[in-house]
Amino acid sequence: MKVNHFADIEEKPVEMEGARGCMVRWLVSESDGAPNFAMRRFEVAPGGFTPRHSHPYEHEVYVLEGEGVVYENDQPHPLRPGAVVLVKPDEVHQFQNTGDAPLKFLCLVPNDAAKKTVTVAPECGVQ
């Protein structure tokens, strides 16, 4: 069993092309002994966004704090605390902070996601 506080886990910048103002903490991962899924905590600064991208695996998101949108291709969906998002495999998506405070969310992905290709969309970073 692993029990600790999220603030004790190192926060790192998201270093993908097209990301701006994004930080991530790997709360639970394969290195912790989790056999199937990793849990990450993202914090996106006001005006920040993840890359517009796709990948061959699903992920689930739960919004903790802040306001924003998640793009499903070009379709925006509003985000607020309590919002739950399922991103299906190969869907082009992007999370953007549209508020004045950080957008914070949990994101779960399969452990083998790190071994799969992420495709950054050509319009990446365009708001």
Protein backbone atom coordinates (compact mmCIF):
# COMPACT_ATOMS: atom_id res chain seq x y z
CA MET A 1 0.00 0.00 0.00
CA LYS A 2 1.14 3.54 -0.73
CA VAL A 3 -0.25 6.43 1.30
CA ASN A 4 1.09 9.96 1.11
CA HIS A 5 0.07 13.54 0.42
CA PHE A 6 0.10 14.81 -3.16
CA ALA A 7 2.28 17.78 -2.18
CA ASP A 8 5.06 15.35 -1.20
CA ILE A 9 5.32 14.19 -4.83
CA GLU A 10 7.54 16.16 -7.19
CA GLU A 11 5.71 18.51 -9.55
CA LYS A 12 7.21 18.68 -13.04
CA PRO A 13 6.44 20.78 -16.09
CA VAL A 14 4.61 19.09 -18.97
CA GLU A 15 7.31 19.11 -21.62
CA MET A 16 5.28 18.18 -24.69
CA GLU A 17 5.26 20.43 -27.74
CA GLY A 18 2.27 22.76 -27.51
CA ALA A 19 1.89 22.76 -23.73
CA ARG A 20 1.85 26.05 -21.87
CA GLY A 21 1.54 26.59 -18.12
CA CYS A 22 1.04 22.88 -17.29
CA MET A 23 2.48 20.98 -14.36
CA VAL A 24 2.02 17.30 -13.47
CA ARG A 25 2.55 15.06 -10.45
CA TRP A 26 2.59 11.27 -10.95
CA LEU A 27 0.61 10.33 -7.82
CA VAL A 28 0.50 6.58 -8.44
CA SER A 29 2.36 4.70 -11.16
CA GLU A 30 3.84 1.36 -12.10
CA SER A 31 6.96 2.27 -10.11
CA ASP A 32 4.73 2.30 -7.00
CA GLY A 33 3.55 -1.23 -7.74
CA ALA A 34 0.26 -0.26 -9.41
CA PRO A 35 -0.35 -3.12 -11.85
CA ASN A 36 -2.75 -1.44 -14.29
CA PHE A 37 -3.26 2.32 -14.03
CA ALA A 38 -1.37 5.50 -13.24
CA MET A 39 -2.97 8.50 -11.53
CA ARG A 40 -1.66 11.96 -12.32
CA ARG A 41 -2.58 15.38 -10.95
CA PHE A 42 -2.39 18.25 -13.43
CA GLU A 43 -2.34 21.94 -12.65
CA VAL A 44 -2.86 24.33 -15.57
CA ALA A 45 -2.15 28.02 -14.98
CA PRO A 46 -4.65 30.68 -16.08
CA GLY A 47 -4.34 30.98 -19.87
CA GLY A 48 -2.47 27.67 -20.02
CA PHE A 49 -3.29 24.51 -21.94
CA THR A 50 -2.22 20.99 -22.71
CA PRO A 51 -1.19 20.15 -26.26
CA ARG A 52 -3.93 19.36 -28.73
CA HIS A 53 -3.13 15.68 -29.18
CA SER A 54 -4.33 12.10 -29.50
CA HIS A 55 -3.08 8.69 -28.41
CA PRO A 56 -4.20 5.05 -28.71
CA TYR A 57 -5.37 4.69 -25.10
CA GLU A 58 -8.23 6.03 -23.01
CA HIS A 59 -7.96 8.28 -20.02
CA GLU A 60 -10.35 9.44 -17.37
CA VAL A 61 -10.33 12.91 -15.84
CA TYR A 62 -11.92 14.36 -12.70
CA VAL A 63 -11.82 18.15 -12.25
CA LEU A 64 -10.88 19.24 -8.73
CA GLU A 65 -10.70 23.03 -9.00
CA GLY A 66 -10.88 25.86 -11.51
CA GLU A 67 -12.64 26.49 -14.79
CA GLY A 68 -11.78 25.57 -18.32
CA VAL A 69 -12.75 23.70 -21.43
CA VAL A 70 -11.81 20.37 -22.90
CA TYR A 71 -11.82 20.19 -26.67
CA GLU A 72 -13.11 17.05 -28.36
CA ASN A 73 -11.64 17.70 -31.80
CA ASP A 74 -12.92 21.29 -32.32
CA GLN A 75 -15.93 20.99 -29.96
CA PRO A 76 -15.41 22.72 -26.57
CA HIS A 77 -17.00 21.26 -23.43
CA PRO A 78 -17.02 23.41 -20.26
CA LEU A 79 -15.18 22.19 -17.18
CA ARG A 80 -15.80 23.05 -13.54
CA PRO A 81 -15.18 21.22 -10.27
CA GLY A 82 -16.84 17.81 -10.29
CA ALA A 83 -16.74 17.41 -14.07
CA VAL A 84 -15.87 13.90 -15.26
CA VAL A 85 -14.34 13.32 -18.70
CA LEU A 86 -13.70 10.12 -20.65
CA VAL A 87 -11.24 10.63 -23.49
CA LYS A 88 -11.55 7.64 -25.80
CA PRO A 89 -8.58 6.17 -27.66
CA ASP A 90 -7.46 8.25 -30.66
CA GLU A 91 -9.71 11.25 -29.87
CA VAL A 92 -8.03 14.59 -30.51
CA HIS A 93 -8.35 16.56 -27.28
CA GLN A 94 -6.96 19.51 -25.36
CA PHE A 95 -7.56 20.96 -21.88
CA GLN A 96 -7.49 24.75 -21.48
CA ASN A 97 -7.76 26.94 -18.42
CA THR A 98 -10.28 29.74 -19.09
CA GLY A 99 -10.48 31.01 -15.51
CA ASP A 100 -8.50 33.28 -13.22
CA ALA A 101 -7.25 30.49 -10.92
CA PRO A 102 -5.37 27.25 -11.64
CA LEU A 103 -7.33 24.42 -13.28
CA LYS A 104 -6.58 21.24 -11.30
CA PHE A 105 -7.61 17.74 -12.33
CA LEU A 106 -6.85 14.09 -11.81
CA CYS A 107 -6.08 12.02 -14.89
CA LEU A 108 -5.85 8.22 -14.99
CA VAL A 109 -4.09 6.36 -17.80
CA PRO A 110 -3.05 2.74 -18.36
CA ASN A 111 0.51 2.00 -17.26
CA ASP A 112 1.52 1.03 -20.78
CA ALA A 113 0.62 4.53 -22.05
CA ALA A 114 4.26 5.59 -21.72
CA LYS A 115 5.17 2.97 -24.33
CA LYS A 116 2.64 4.28 -26.88
CA THR A 117 2.87 7.11 -29.37
CA VAL A 118 1.27 10.48 -28.67
CA THR A 119 0.44 12.51 -31.79
CA VAL A 120 0.46 16.28 -31.41
CA ALA A 121 -2.07 17.93 -33.75
CA PRO A 122 -0.68 20.35 -36.35
CA GLU A 123 -2.71 23.23 -34.90
CA CYS A 124 -1.25 22.52 -31.46
CA GLY A 125 -1.24 25.49 -29.13
CA VAL A 126 -3.89 27.35 -31.12
CA GLN A 127 -6.64 28.62 -28.86
